[in-house]
C-alpha atoms as a PDB file:
ATOM      1  CA  UNK A   1       0.000   0.000   0.000  1.00  0.00           C
ATOM      2  CA  UNK A   2       1.376   3.390  -0.976  1.00  0.00           C
ATOM      3  CA  UNK A   3       1.009   6.193   1.576  1.00  0.00           C
ATOM      4  CA  UNK A   4       1.661   9.897   1.123  1.00  0.00           C
ATOM      5  CA  UNK A   5       1.502  12.429   3.930  1.00  0.00           C
ATOM      6  CA  UNK A   6       1.703  16.181   4.125  1.00  0.00           C
ATOM      7  CA  UNK A   7       2.143  18.514   7.072  1.00  0.00           C
ATOM      8  CA  UNK A   8       4.128  21.700   7.559  1.00  0.00           C
ATOM      9  CA  UNK A   9       5.420  20.382  10.905  1.00  0.00           C
ATOM     10  CA  UNK A  10       8.600  18.295  10.730  1.00  0.00           C
ATOM     11  CA  UNK A  11       7.671  16.772  14.109  1.00  0.00           C
ATOM     12  CA  UNK A  12       4.326  15.529  12.752  1.00  0.00           C
ATOM     13  CA  UNK A  13       5.966  14.209   9.575  1.00  0.00           C
ATOM     14  CA  UNK A  14       8.505  12.314  11.701  1.00  0.00           C
ATOM     15  CA  UNK A  15       5.779  10.873  13.945  1.00  0.00           C
ATOM     16  CA  UNK A  16       3.736   9.773  10.940  1.00  0.00           C
ATOM     17  CA  UNK A  17       6.790   8.138   9.397  1.00  0.00           C
ATOM     18  CA  UNK A  18       7.533   6.229  12.614  1.00  0.00           C
ATOM     19  CA  UNK A  19       3.934   5.119  12.962  1.00  0.00           C
ATOM     20  CA  UNK A  20       3.415   4.085   9.344  1.00  0.00           C
ATOM     21  CA  UNK A  21       6.747   2.281   8.972  1.00  0.00           C
ATOM     22  CA  UNK A  22       5.717  -0.192  11.682  1.00  0.00           C
ATOM     23  CA  UNK A  23       3.286  -1.768   9.225  1.00  0.00           C
ATOM     24  CA  UNK A  24       4.536  -4.330   6.732  1.00  0.00           C
ATOM     25  CA  UNK A  25       3.616  -3.878   3.086  1.00  0.00           C
ATOM     26  CA  UNK A  26       3.514  -0.083   3.348  1.00  0.00           C
ATOM     27  CA  UNK A  27       5.564   2.159   1.093  1.00  0.00           C
ATOM     28  CA  UNK A  28       5.829   5.837   1.981  1.00  0.00           C
ATOM     29  CA  UNK A  29       5.867   7.628  -1.361  1.00  0.00           C
ATOM     30  CA  UNK A  30       6.053  11.173  -0.021  1.00  0.00           C
ATOM     31  CA  UNK A  31       6.329  13.368   3.059  1.00  0.00           C
ATOM     32  CA  UNK A  32       5.573  16.903   1.962  1.00  0.00           C
ATOM     33  CA  UNK A  33       5.302  20.301   3.641  1.00  0.00           C
ATOM     34  CA  UNK A  34       2.866  22.261   1.461  1.00  0.00           C
ATOM     35  CA  UNK A  35      -0.402  21.775  -0.327  1.00  0.00           C
ATOM     36  CA  UNK A  36       0.781  22.569  -3.845  1.00  0.00           C
ATOM     37  CA  UNK A  37       3.458  19.843  -3.778  1.00  0.00           C
ATOM     38  CA  UNK A  38       0.961  17.486  -2.162  1.00  0.00           C
ATOM     39  CA  UNK A  39      -1.578  17.902  -4.948  1.00  0.00           C
ATOM     40  CA  UNK A  40       1.090  17.297  -7.602  1.00  0.00           C
ATOM     41  CA  UNK A  41       2.438  14.260  -5.779  1.00  0.00           C
ATOM     42  CA  UNK A  42      -1.021  12.714  -5.407  1.00  0.00           C
ATOM     43  CA  UNK A  43      -1.677  13.107  -9.120  1.00  0.00           C
ATOM     44  CA  UNK A  44       1.747  11.713 -10.094  1.00  0.00           C
ATOM     45  CA  UNK A  45       2.367   8.987  -7.488  1.00  0.00           C
ATOM     46  CA  UNK A  46      -1.137   7.488  -7.236  1.00  0.00           C
ATOM     47  CA  UNK A  47      -1.040   6.660  -3.499  1.00  0.00           C
ATOM     48  CA  UNK A  48      -3.637   4.457  -1.806  1.00  0.00           C
ATOM     49  CA  UNK A  49      -3.837   6.670   1.286  1.00  0.00           C
ATOM     50  CA  UNK A  50      -3.159  10.366   1.803  1.00  0.00           C
ATOM     51  CA  UNK A  51      -2.776  11.887   5.270  1.00  0.00           C
ATOM     52  CA  UNK A  52      -2.927  15.666   5.033  1.00  0.00           C
ATOM     53  CA  UNK A  53      -2.861  18.553   7.485  1.00  0.00           C
ATOM     54  CA  UNK A  54      -5.824  20.875   7.243  1.00  0.00           C
ATOM     55  CA  UNK A  55      -3.635  24.009   7.419  1.00  0.00           C
ATOM     56  CA  UNK A  56      -0.499  24.172   5.262  1.00  0.00           C
ATOM     57  CA  UNK A  57       1.324  26.719   3.116  1.00  0.00           C
ATOM     58  CA  UNK A  58       0.045  26.976  -0.421  1.00  0.00           C
ATOM     59  CA  UNK A  59      -3.140  24.981  -0.792  1.00  0.00           C
ATOM     60  CA  UNK A  60      -4.781  23.992   2.483  1.00  0.00           C
ATOM     61  CA  UNK A  61      -5.592  20.368   3.188  1.00  0.00           C
ATOM     62  CA  UNK A  62      -9.242  21.124   2.441  1.00  0.00           C
ATOM     63  CA  UNK A  63      -8.310  22.654  -0.921  1.00  0.00           C
ATOM     64  CA  UNK A  64      -6.178  19.603  -1.757  1.00  0.00           C
ATOM     65  CA  UNK A  65      -9.108  17.378  -0.789  1.00  0.00           C
ATOM     66  CA  UNK A  66     -11.501  19.391  -2.956  1.00  0.00           C
ATOM     67  CA  UNK A  67      -9.210  19.209  -6.004  1.00  0.00           C
ATOM     68  CA  UNK A  68      -8.490  15.494  -5.628  1.00  0.00           C
ATOM     69  CA  UNK A  69     -12.146  14.565  -5.292  1.00  0.00           C
ATOM     70  CA  UNK A  70     -12.753  16.130  -8.707  1.00  0.00           C
ATOM     71  CA  UNK A  71     -10.618  13.393 -10.295  1.00  0.00           C
ATOM     72  CA  UNK A  72     -10.470  10.579  -7.736  1.00  0.00           C
ATOM     73  CA  UNK A  73     -13.465   9.575  -5.631  1.00  0.00           C
ATOM     74  CA  UNK A  74     -11.944   6.401  -4.142  1.00  0.00           C
ATOM     75  CA  UNK A  75      -8.595   7.550  -2.758  1.00  0.00           C
ATOM     76  CA  UNK A  76      -8.625   7.234   1.049  1.00  0.00           C
ATOM     77  CA  UNK A  77      -7.915  10.590   2.681  1.00  0.00           C
ATOM     78  CA  UNK A  78      -7.299  11.398   6.337  1.00  0.00           C
ATOM     79  CA  UNK A  79      -7.435  15.032   7.417  1.00  0.00           C
ATOM     80  CA  UNK A  80      -5.331  15.884  10.486  1.00  0.00           C
ATOM     81  CA  UNK A  81      -5.578  19.074  12.492  1.00  0.00           C
ATOM     82  CA  UNK A  82      -4.847  20.768  15.780  1.00  0.00           C
ATOM     83  CA  UNK A  83      -8.110  22.660  15.176  1.00  0.00           C
ATOM     84  CA  UNK A  84     -10.644  19.827  15.393  1.00  0.00           C
ATOM     85  CA  UNK A  85     -13.724  22.005  15.519  1.00  0.00           C
ATOM     86  CA  UNK A  86     -17.081  20.856  14.215  1.00  0.00           C
ATOM     87  CA  UNK A  87     -17.224  23.372  11.380  1.00  0.00           C
ATOM     88  CA  UNK A  88     -13.911  22.103   9.934  1.00  0.00           C
ATOM     89  CA  UNK A  89     -15.027  18.505  10.356  1.00  0.00           C
ATOM     90  CA  UNK A  90     -18.303  19.192   8.541  1.00  0.00           C
ATOM     91  CA  UNK A  91     -16.463  20.824   5.647  1.00  0.00           C
ATOM     92  CA  UNK A  92     -13.907  17.996   5.449  1.00  0.00           C
ATOM     93  CA  UNK A  93     -16.580  15.306   5.399  1.00  0.00           C
ATOM     94  CA  UNK A  94     -18.677  17.242   2.870  1.00  0.00           C
ATOM     95  CA  UNK A  95     -15.603  17.580   0.621  1.00  0.00           C
ATOM     96  CA  UNK A  96     -14.985  13.833   0.786  1.00  0.00           C
ATOM     97  CA  UNK A  97     -12.546  13.143   3.625  1.00  0.00           C
ATOM     98  CA  UNK A  98     -12.761   9.563   4.820  1.00  0.00           C
ATOM     99  CA  UNK A  99     -11.466  10.464   8.284  1.00  0.00           C
ATOM    100  CA  UNK A 100     -10.998  13.666  10.293  1.00  0.00           C
ATOM    101  CA  UNK A 101      -8.612  13.300  13.240  1.00  0.00           C
ATOM    102  CA  UNK A 102      -7.367  15.662  15.906  1.00  0.00           C
ATOM    103  CA  UNK A 103      -3.591  15.635  16.218  1.00  0.00           C
ATOM    104  CA  UNK A 104      -4.075  15.923  19.976  1.00  0.00           C
ATOM    105  CA  UNK A 105      -6.785  13.347  20.678  1.00  0.00           C
ATOM    106  CA  UNK A 106      -6.910  11.012  17.679  1.00  0.00           C
ATOM    107  CA  UNK A 107      -3.390  10.850  16.247  1.00  0.00           C
ATOM    108  CA  UNK A 108      -2.904   7.161  17.022  1.00  0.00           C
ATOM    109  CA  UNK A 109      -6.048   6.320  15.041  1.00  0.00           C
ATOM    110  CA  UNK A 110      -4.026   6.846  11.874  1.00  0.00           C
ATOM    111  CA  UNK A 111      -2.197   3.589  12.578  1.00  0.00           C
ATOM    112  CA  UNK A 112      -5.519   1.781  13.013  1.00  0.00           C
ATOM    113  CA  UNK A 113      -6.753   3.050   9.649  1.00  0.00           C
ATOM    114  CA  UNK A 114      -3.567   1.794   7.975  1.00  0.00           C
ATOM    115  CA  UNK A 115      -3.976  -1.603   9.666  1.00  0.00           C
ATOM    116  CA  UNK A 116      -7.622  -1.818   8.539  1.00  0.00           C
ATOM    117  CA  UNK A 117      -6.708  -0.937   4.974  1.00  0.00           C
ATOM    118  CA  UNK A 118      -3.941  -3.540   4.904  1.00  0.00           C
ATOM    119  CA  UNK A 119      -6.297  -6.209   6.272  1.00  0.00           C
ATOM    120  CA  UNK A 120      -8.941  -5.322   3.704  1.00  0.00           C
ATOM    121  CA  UNK A 121      -6.339  -5.392   0.940  1.00  0.00           C
ATOM    122  CA  UNK A 122      -5.110  -8.808   2.125  1.00  0.00           C
ATOM    123  CA  UNK A 123      -8.679 -10.183   2.288  1.00  0.00           C
ATOM    124  CA  UNK A 124      -9.430  -8.927  -1.217  1.00  0.00           C
ATOM    125  CA  UNK A 125      -6.280 -10.648  -2.499  1.00  0.00           C
ATOM    126  CA  UNK A 126      -7.236 -13.962  -0.908  1.00  0.00           C
ATOM    127  CA  UNK A 127     -10.812 -13.905  -2.219  1.00  0.00           C
END
């Protein structure tokens, strides 16, 4: 499974890398710091999962989500934020985010989503 993540915080990028690398059969195809590069990378690298910060330089995570959903309805997208307020969550879900996680309260859920996706992928291969 190919995973791409984007956040303007090096600390968050490092934590995501540590968390994601624990899973077998995961390839990290990008760790980016701005929305413009993220959008280009998604279009060029065709990841299976994108984890994107809601607030980044260039395009915001919500703008990246909006643009991607115009061309790809099935890509799994997790929005991360320190600002997990209901209005942001409603916008993210309306725009097509599969998950909306607080970096403070829900960060570890990212690993669970990766594990679920890998299990689903494995089950689809067996059947």
